Amino acid sequence: MIPVDEFTGLIRDIDYIEGAIDLTVGGVQLLSTSMWDLVDQLWAYLINSLEDLASQDTAETCFPDQPITVRFSKEIEGKHVRIDVRAHSSMSARIETTTLVDALTREARKFFEALRRVAATYPATGELKRIAAVRATFNL
């Protein structure tokens, strides 16, 4: 797989953008390139979960086309989040809430900005606005 910021080609079909997200927290690799899927949709689903987490104690999403579940649960008065990933096996890690939201939204923004560059017709503006709103909600 090619990191999105190194991709220089063109996306031929904006409805099927395959890729993966690497997410390691506290030395635990929760998401990896072996968990590839429709990566633009996966980023959007993760942003949905962060939106939900702003007003709820838990948020959960699934990968678009794979039986993989990601669950976010607030802990320690909302200052930390436990991330549980259920795939072939279960993995979990805990991280400060603002650290998680900052990292995920920065990488999501980078992804959607790069996607706009290589797929001019991709409607990334809505996702970028949602990312900015999530950052504002968490005071980032």
N, C-alpha and C. Protein backbone atom coordinates (compact mmCIF):
# COMPACT_ATOMS: atom_id res chain seq x y z
N MET A 1 0.84 -1.18 0.00
CA MET A 1 0.00 0.00 0.00
C MET A 1 0.88 1.24 0.00
N ILE A 2 0.37 2.27 -0.62
CA ILE A 2 1.08 3.55 -0.72
C ILE A 2 0.44 4.54 0.24
N PRO A 3 1.24 5.21 1.08
CA PRO A 3 0.67 6.25 1.95
C PRO A 3 -0.03 7.32 1.09
N VAL A 4 -1.15 7.81 1.58
CA VAL A 4 -1.98 8.73 0.78
C VAL A 4 -1.21 9.97 0.37
N ASP A 5 -0.32 10.47 1.19
CA ASP A 5 0.40 11.68 0.83
C ASP A 5 1.51 11.42 -0.19
N GLU A 6 1.78 10.15 -0.50
CA GLU A 6 2.76 9.80 -1.52
C GLU A 6 2.11 9.35 -2.82
N PHE A 7 0.79 9.19 -2.83
CA PHE A 7 0.08 8.73 -4.02
C PHE A 7 0.04 9.84 -5.05
N THR A 8 0.44 9.53 -6.27
CA THR A 8 0.47 10.55 -7.33
C THR A 8 -0.41 10.21 -8.51
N GLY A 9 -1.06 9.08 -8.50
CA GLY A 9 -1.90 8.68 -9.62
C GLY A 9 -3.26 9.34 -9.56
N LEU A 10 -4.19 8.78 -10.27
CA LEU A 10 -5.57 9.25 -10.24
C LEU A 10 -6.48 8.13 -9.76
N ILE A 11 -7.51 8.48 -9.05
CA ILE A 11 -8.52 7.50 -8.62
C ILE A 11 -9.51 7.35 -9.76
N ARG A 12 -9.65 6.14 -10.25
CA ARG A 12 -10.53 5.93 -11.40
C ARG A 12 -12.01 5.81 -11.01
N ASP A 13 -12.26 5.22 -9.85
CA ASP A 13 -13.64 5.00 -9.43
C ASP A 13 -13.79 5.50 -8.00
N ILE A 14 -14.39 6.67 -7.84
CA ILE A 14 -14.50 7.27 -6.50
C ILE A 14 -15.47 6.53 -5.59
N ASP A 15 -16.21 5.58 -6.13
CA ASP A 15 -17.12 4.80 -5.29
C ASP A 15 -16.44 3.60 -4.64
N TYR A 16 -15.25 3.25 -5.10
CA TYR A 16 -14.52 2.09 -4.57
C TYR A 16 -13.06 2.45 -4.37
N ILE A 17 -12.78 3.13 -3.27
CA ILE A 17 -11.41 3.55 -2.96
C ILE A 17 -10.90 2.62 -1.87
N GLU A 18 -10.09 1.67 -2.28
CA GLU A 18 -9.57 0.69 -1.33
C GLU A 18 -8.32 1.22 -0.66
N GLY A 19 -8.17 0.89 0.60
CA GLY A 19 -7.00 1.30 1.36
C GLY A 19 -7.13 0.83 2.79
N ALA A 20 -6.24 1.33 3.62
CA ALA A 20 -6.23 0.90 5.02
C ALA A 20 -5.77 2.04 5.91
N ILE A 21 -6.08 1.91 7.17
CA ILE A 21 -5.66 2.87 8.19
C ILE A 21 -4.82 2.12 9.20
N ASP A 22 -3.66 2.66 9.50
CA ASP A 22 -2.82 2.11 10.57
C ASP A 22 -3.11 2.91 11.83
N LEU A 23 -3.45 2.22 12.91
CA LEU A 23 -3.69 2.88 14.18
C LEU A 23 -3.04 2.06 15.28
N THR A 24 -2.02 2.64 15.90
CA THR A 24 -1.32 2.01 17.01
C THR A 24 -1.44 2.91 18.22
N VAL A 25 -1.89 2.36 19.33
CA VAL A 25 -2.07 3.11 20.57
C VAL A 25 -1.33 2.37 21.68
N GLY A 26 -0.39 3.07 22.32
CA GLY A 26 0.34 2.46 23.43
C GLY A 26 1.03 1.17 23.05
N GLY A 27 1.54 1.09 21.84
CA GLY A 27 2.22 -0.11 21.37
C GLY A 27 1.31 -1.22 20.87
N VAL A 28 -0.01 -1.00 20.94
CA VAL A 28 -0.98 -2.01 20.46
C VAL A 28 -1.48 -1.58 19.08
N GLN A 29 -1.23 -2.41 18.08
CA GLN A 29 -1.71 -2.09 16.74
C GLN A 29 -3.17 -2.51 16.64
N LEU A 30 -4.04 -1.50 16.61
CA LEU A 30 -5.48 -1.75 16.58
C LEU A 30 -6.00 -1.90 15.16
N LEU A 31 -5.49 -1.09 14.24
CA LEU A 31 -5.86 -1.17 12.82
C LEU A 31 -4.57 -1.30 12.03
N SER A 32 -4.61 -2.13 10.98
CA SER A 32 -3.40 -2.35 10.18
C SER A 32 -3.76 -2.46 8.71
N THR A 33 -2.73 -2.50 7.87
CA THR A 33 -2.95 -2.60 6.43
C THR A 33 -3.59 -3.93 6.05
N SER A 34 -3.53 -4.92 6.90
CA SER A 34 -4.21 -6.19 6.60
C SER A 34 -5.73 -6.04 6.69
N MET A 35 -6.18 -4.94 7.29
CA MET A 35 -7.62 -4.68 7.45
C MET A 35 -8.09 -3.68 6.38
N TRP A 36 -7.70 -3.90 5.14
CA TRP A 36 -8.06 -2.96 4.09
C TRP A 36 -9.56 -3.01 3.81
N ASP A 37 -10.06 -1.91 3.30
CA ASP A 37 -11.49 -1.79 3.02
C ASP A 37 -11.69 -0.55 2.15
N LEU A 38 -12.91 -0.08 2.06
CA LEU A 38 -13.22 1.17 1.36
C LEU A 38 -12.81 2.29 2.30
N VAL A 39 -11.61 2.79 2.12
CA VAL A 39 -10.95 3.62 3.13
C VAL A 39 -11.60 4.98 3.31
N ASP A 40 -12.15 5.56 2.26
CA ASP A 40 -12.83 6.86 2.43
C ASP A 40 -14.07 6.70 3.30
N GLN A 41 -14.78 5.61 3.11
CA GLN A 41 -15.96 5.35 3.93
C GLN A 41 -15.55 5.04 5.37
N LEU A 42 -14.45 4.30 5.54
CA LEU A 42 -13.98 3.99 6.88
C LEU A 42 -13.60 5.27 7.62
N TRP A 43 -12.90 6.19 6.97
CA TRP A 43 -12.59 7.47 7.61
C TRP A 43 -13.87 8.20 8.00
N ALA A 44 -14.85 8.22 7.11
CA ALA A 44 -16.12 8.89 7.41
C ALA A 44 -16.81 8.24 8.60
N TYR A 45 -16.77 6.92 8.69
CA TYR A 45 -17.39 6.21 9.82
C TYR A 45 -16.67 6.54 11.12
N LEU A 46 -15.34 6.65 11.07
CA LEU A 46 -14.60 7.00 12.28
C LEU A 46 -14.92 8.42 12.73
N ILE A 47 -15.09 9.33 11.78
CA ILE A 47 -15.49 10.70 12.12
C ILE A 47 -16.89 10.69 12.73
N ASN A 48 -17.80 9.88 12.17
CA ASN A 48 -19.13 9.72 12.78
C ASN A 48 -19.01 9.32 14.25
N SER A 49 -18.11 8.38 14.52
CA SER A 49 -17.94 7.90 15.89
C SER A 49 -17.42 9.00 16.80
N LEU A 50 -16.50 9.82 16.30
CA LEU A 50 -16.01 10.93 17.11
C LEU A 50 -17.11 11.95 17.37
N GLU A 51 -17.96 12.19 16.37
CA GLU A 51 -19.12 13.07 16.58
C GLU A 51 -20.02 12.52 17.68
N ASP A 52 -20.28 11.22 17.64
CA ASP A 52 -21.12 10.58 18.66
C ASP A 52 -20.45 10.64 20.03
N LEU A 53 -19.15 10.42 20.06
CA LEU A 53 -18.42 10.40 21.33
C LEU A 53 -18.44 11.76 22.02
N ALA A 54 -18.63 12.82 21.27
CA ALA A 54 -18.69 14.16 21.86
C ALA A 54 -19.89 14.29 22.80
N SER A 55 -20.97 13.54 22.53
CA SER A 55 -22.18 13.68 23.33
C SER A 55 -22.63 12.39 24.02
N GLN A 56 -21.90 11.31 23.80
CA GLN A 56 -22.27 10.02 24.39
C GLN A 56 -21.05 9.39 25.05
N ASP A 57 -21.30 8.39 25.89
CA ASP A 57 -20.20 7.69 26.54
C ASP A 57 -19.55 6.63 25.68
N THR A 58 -20.30 6.14 24.66
CA THR A 58 -19.75 5.14 23.76
C THR A 58 -20.15 5.46 22.33
N ALA A 59 -19.35 4.97 21.42
CA ALA A 59 -19.65 5.08 19.99
C ALA A 59 -19.06 3.85 19.32
N GLU A 60 -19.74 3.36 18.32
CA GLU A 60 -19.29 2.14 17.65
C GLU A 60 -19.52 2.26 16.16
N THR A 61 -18.60 1.69 15.40
CA THR A 61 -18.76 1.63 13.96
C THR A 61 -18.22 0.31 13.45
N CYS A 62 -18.59 -0.01 12.25
CA CYS A 62 -18.09 -1.21 11.59
C CYS A 62 -17.36 -0.79 10.31
N PHE A 63 -16.49 -1.64 9.86
CA PHE A 63 -15.86 -1.40 8.58
C PHE A 63 -16.92 -1.53 7.49
N PRO A 64 -16.76 -0.81 6.39
CA PRO A 64 -17.79 -0.84 5.34
C PRO A 64 -18.08 -2.25 4.79
N ASP A 65 -17.04 -3.03 4.50
CA ASP A 65 -17.25 -4.32 3.85
C ASP A 65 -16.56 -5.49 4.54
N GLN A 66 -16.22 -5.32 5.81
CA GLN A 66 -15.57 -6.40 6.54
C GLN A 66 -16.21 -6.54 7.92
N PRO A 67 -16.18 -7.72 8.48
CA PRO A 67 -16.75 -7.92 9.82
C PRO A 67 -15.80 -7.46 10.93
N ILE A 68 -15.46 -6.19 10.90
CA ILE A 68 -14.57 -5.60 11.90
C ILE A 68 -15.32 -4.46 12.58
N THR A 69 -15.30 -4.46 13.90
CA THR A 69 -16.01 -3.45 14.69
C THR A 69 -15.00 -2.65 15.50
N VAL A 70 -15.24 -1.34 15.56
CA VAL A 70 -14.42 -0.44 16.38
C VAL A 70 -15.36 0.25 17.36
N ARG A 71 -15.04 0.12 18.65
CA ARG A 71 -15.87 0.71 19.69
C ARG A 71 -15.02 1.66 20.53
N PHE A 72 -15.55 2.85 20.77
CA PHE A 72 -14.90 3.86 21.59
C PHE A 72 -15.73 4.01 22.86
N SER A 73 -15.09 3.93 24.03
CA SER A 73 -15.79 4.07 25.31
C SER A 73 -15.03 5.07 26.18
N LYS A 74 -15.75 6.08 26.66
CA LYS A 74 -15.13 7.06 27.54
C LYS A 74 -14.84 6.41 28.89
N GLU A 75 -13.71 6.80 29.47
CA GLU A 75 -13.31 6.34 30.79
C GLU A 75 -12.76 7.53 31.57
N ILE A 76 -12.67 7.37 32.86
CA ILE A 76 -12.08 8.37 33.75
C ILE A 76 -12.68 9.76 33.46
N GLU A 77 -13.99 9.86 33.67
CA GLU A 77 -14.73 11.10 33.49
C GLU A 77 -14.53 11.71 32.11
N GLY A 78 -14.40 10.87 31.10
CA GLY A 78 -14.28 11.33 29.72
C GLY A 78 -12.90 11.78 29.32
N LYS A 79 -11.94 11.69 30.23
CA LYS A 79 -10.59 12.15 29.91
C LYS A 79 -9.80 11.15 29.08
N HIS A 80 -10.23 9.90 29.11
CA HIS A 80 -9.60 8.84 28.33
C HIS A 80 -10.67 8.09 27.53
N VAL A 81 -10.20 7.43 26.50
CA VAL A 81 -11.08 6.60 25.68
C VAL A 81 -10.44 5.22 25.55
N ARG A 82 -11.26 4.23 25.75
CA ARG A 82 -10.84 2.85 25.50
C ARG A 82 -11.32 2.51 24.10
N ILE A 83 -10.41 2.00 23.28
CA ILE A 83 -10.74 1.59 21.91
C ILE A 83 -10.69 0.08 21.87
N ASP A 84 -11.79 -0.53 21.47
CA ASP A 84 -11.86 -1.99 21.31
C ASP A 84 -12.09 -2.28 19.84
N VAL A 85 -11.25 -3.14 19.28
CA VAL A 85 -11.40 -3.55 17.89
C VAL A 85 -11.64 -5.05 17.88
N ARG A 86 -12.73 -5.44 17.24
CA ARG A 86 -13.05 -6.87 17.10
C ARG A 86 -12.92 -7.24 15.63
N ALA A 87 -11.96 -8.10 15.36
CA ALA A 87 -11.74 -8.60 14.01
C ALA A 87 -11.55 -10.11 14.14
N HIS A 88 -10.44 -10.64 13.65
CA HIS A 88 -10.14 -12.07 13.82
C HIS A 88 -9.94 -12.36 15.29
N SER A 89 -9.42 -11.36 16.00
CA SER A 89 -9.25 -11.43 17.44
C SER A 89 -9.64 -10.06 17.99
N SER A 90 -9.64 -9.93 19.29
CA SER A 90 -10.00 -8.65 19.91
C SER A 90 -8.75 -7.97 20.43
N MET A 91 -8.69 -6.66 20.23
CA MET A 91 -7.58 -5.85 20.72
C MET A 91 -8.16 -4.62 21.37
N SER A 92 -7.45 -4.08 22.36
CA SER A 92 -7.93 -2.85 22.98
C SER A 92 -6.75 -2.05 23.50
N ALA A 93 -7.00 -0.76 23.65
CA ALA A 93 -5.99 0.15 24.20
C ALA A 93 -6.73 1.36 24.74
N ARG A 94 -6.03 2.11 25.60
CA ARG A 94 -6.61 3.32 26.18
C ARG A 94 -5.71 4.50 25.86
N ILE A 95 -6.34 5.66 25.62
CA ILE A 95 -5.60 6.86 25.23
C ILE A 95 -6.37 8.08 25.74
N GLU A 96 -5.66 9.18 25.96
CA GLU A 96 -6.34 10.42 26.33
C GLU A 96 -7.27 10.82 25.19
N THR A 97 -8.44 11.28 25.55
CA THR A 97 -9.46 11.62 24.56
C THR A 97 -8.96 12.66 23.57
N THR A 98 -8.38 13.75 24.07
CA THR A 98 -7.94 14.81 23.14
C THR A 98 -6.81 14.34 22.25
N THR A 99 -5.95 13.47 22.73
CA THR A 99 -4.87 12.93 21.90
C THR A 99 -5.44 12.10 20.77
N LEU A 100 -6.42 11.26 21.08
CA LEU A 100 -7.06 10.45 20.05
C LEU A 100 -7.77 11.30 19.02
N VAL A 101 -8.60 12.22 19.47
CA VAL A 101 -9.38 13.05 18.55
C VAL A 101 -8.44 13.90 17.68
N ASP A 102 -7.40 14.46 18.28
CA ASP A 102 -6.45 15.26 17.52
C ASP A 102 -5.79 14.42 16.43
N ALA A 103 -5.29 13.25 16.79
CA ALA A 103 -4.59 12.40 15.82
C ALA A 103 -5.52 11.92 14.71
N LEU A 104 -6.70 11.42 15.07
CA LEU A 104 -7.61 10.91 14.04
C LEU A 104 -8.09 12.03 13.12
N THR A 105 -8.42 13.18 13.67
CA THR A 105 -8.93 14.25 12.80
C THR A 105 -7.82 14.83 11.93
N ARG A 106 -6.60 14.94 12.44
CA ARG A 106 -5.49 15.41 11.61
C ARG A 106 -5.24 14.47 10.44
N GLU A 107 -5.22 13.17 10.72
CA GLU A 107 -4.97 12.20 9.65
C GLU A 107 -6.16 12.12 8.69
N ALA A 108 -7.36 12.22 9.20
CA ALA A 108 -8.54 12.22 8.32
C ALA A 108 -8.51 13.43 7.40
N ARG A 109 -8.18 14.59 7.95
CA ARG A 109 -8.10 15.80 7.13
C ARG A 109 -7.03 15.63 6.05
N LYS A 110 -5.88 15.10 6.44
CA LYS A 110 -4.81 14.87 5.46
C LYS A 110 -5.28 13.93 4.36
N PHE A 111 -6.00 12.87 4.75
CA PHE A 111 -6.51 11.92 3.77
C PHE A 111 -7.48 12.60 2.79
N PHE A 112 -8.48 13.31 3.32
CA PHE A 112 -9.48 13.91 2.44
C PHE A 112 -8.91 15.04 1.58
N GLU A 113 -7.94 15.77 2.09
CA GLU A 113 -7.28 16.79 1.27
C GLU A 113 -6.50 16.14 0.14
N ALA A 114 -5.79 15.06 0.42
CA ALA A 114 -5.06 14.33 -0.62
C ALA A 114 -6.04 13.71 -1.62
N LEU A 115 -7.15 13.21 -1.12
CA LEU A 115 -8.15 12.60 -2.00
C LEU A 115 -8.71 13.64 -2.97
N ARG A 116 -8.95 14.83 -2.49
CA ARG A 116 -9.42 15.91 -3.38
C ARG A 116 -8.42 16.18 -4.49
N ARG A 117 -7.13 16.06 -4.17
CA ARG A 117 -6.07 16.31 -5.15
C ARG A 117 -6.04 15.24 -6.24
N VAL A 118 -6.27 13.97 -5.88
CA VAL A 118 -6.15 12.89 -6.86
C VAL A 118 -7.48 12.42 -7.43
N ALA A 119 -8.57 12.90 -6.87
CA ALA A 119 -9.91 12.56 -7.37
C ALA A 119 -10.75 13.83 -7.32
N ALA A 120 -10.58 14.64 -8.32
CA ALA A 120 -11.17 15.98 -8.33
C ALA A 120 -12.68 15.97 -8.12
N THR A 121 -13.35 14.91 -8.52
CA THR A 121 -14.81 14.87 -8.39
C THR A 121 -15.27 14.32 -7.05
N TYR A 122 -14.33 13.90 -6.19
CA TYR A 122 -14.72 13.36 -4.89
C TYR A 122 -15.25 14.50 -4.00
N PRO A 123 -16.42 14.32 -3.41
CA PRO A 123 -17.02 15.40 -2.59
C PRO A 123 -16.46 15.45 -1.17
N ALA A 124 -15.19 15.86 -1.04
CA ALA A 124 -14.52 15.85 0.25
C ALA A 124 -14.88 17.05 1.13
N THR A 125 -15.47 18.07 0.57
CA THR A 125 -15.74 19.29 1.34
C THR A 125 -16.60 19.01 2.57
N GLY A 126 -17.62 18.20 2.43
CA GLY A 126 -18.48 17.87 3.57
C GLY A 126 -17.72 17.18 4.67
N GLU A 127 -16.84 16.24 4.31
CA GLU A 127 -16.05 15.54 5.33
C GLU A 127 -15.09 16.49 6.02
N LEU A 128 -14.48 17.39 5.26
CA LEU A 128 -13.55 18.35 5.85
C LEU A 128 -14.27 19.29 6.82
N LYS A 129 -15.48 19.67 6.50
CA LYS A 129 -16.27 20.51 7.42
C LYS A 129 -16.61 19.74 8.69
N ARG A 130 -16.97 18.47 8.55
CA ARG A 130 -17.28 17.65 9.72
C ARG A 130 -16.05 17.49 10.61
N ILE A 131 -14.89 17.30 10.00
CA ILE A 131 -13.65 17.16 10.75
C ILE A 131 -13.38 18.44 11.54
N ALA A 132 -13.53 19.57 10.89
CA ALA A 132 -13.32 20.86 11.58
C ALA A 132 -14.30 21.02 12.74
N ALA A 133 -15.53 20.60 12.55
CA ALA A 133 -16.53 20.71 13.62
C ALA A 133 -16.18 19.80 14.80
N VAL A 134 -15.70 18.60 14.52
CA VAL A 134 -15.30 17.69 15.60
C VAL A 134 -14.13 18.31 16.37
N ARG A 135 -13.16 18.86 15.66
CA ARG A 135 -12.02 19.49 16.33
C ARG A 135 -12.51 20.63 17.22
N ALA A 136 -13.43 21.41 16.72
CA ALA A 136 -13.95 22.54 17.52
C ALA A 136 -14.70 22.04 18.76
N THR A 137 -15.47 20.98 18.60
CA THR A 137 -16.22 20.42 19.72
C THR A 137 -15.30 19.97 20.84
N PHE A 138 -14.13 19.42 20.48
CA PHE A 138 -13.18 18.96 21.48
C PHE A 138 -12.11 20.01 21.80
N ASN A 139 -12.37 21.26 21.38
CA ASN A 139 -11.47 22.39 21.65
C ASN A 139 -10.05 22.17 21.13
N LEU A 140 -9.95 21.69 19.93
CA LEU A 140 -8.62 21.45 19.30
C LEU A 140 -8.36 22.50 18.23
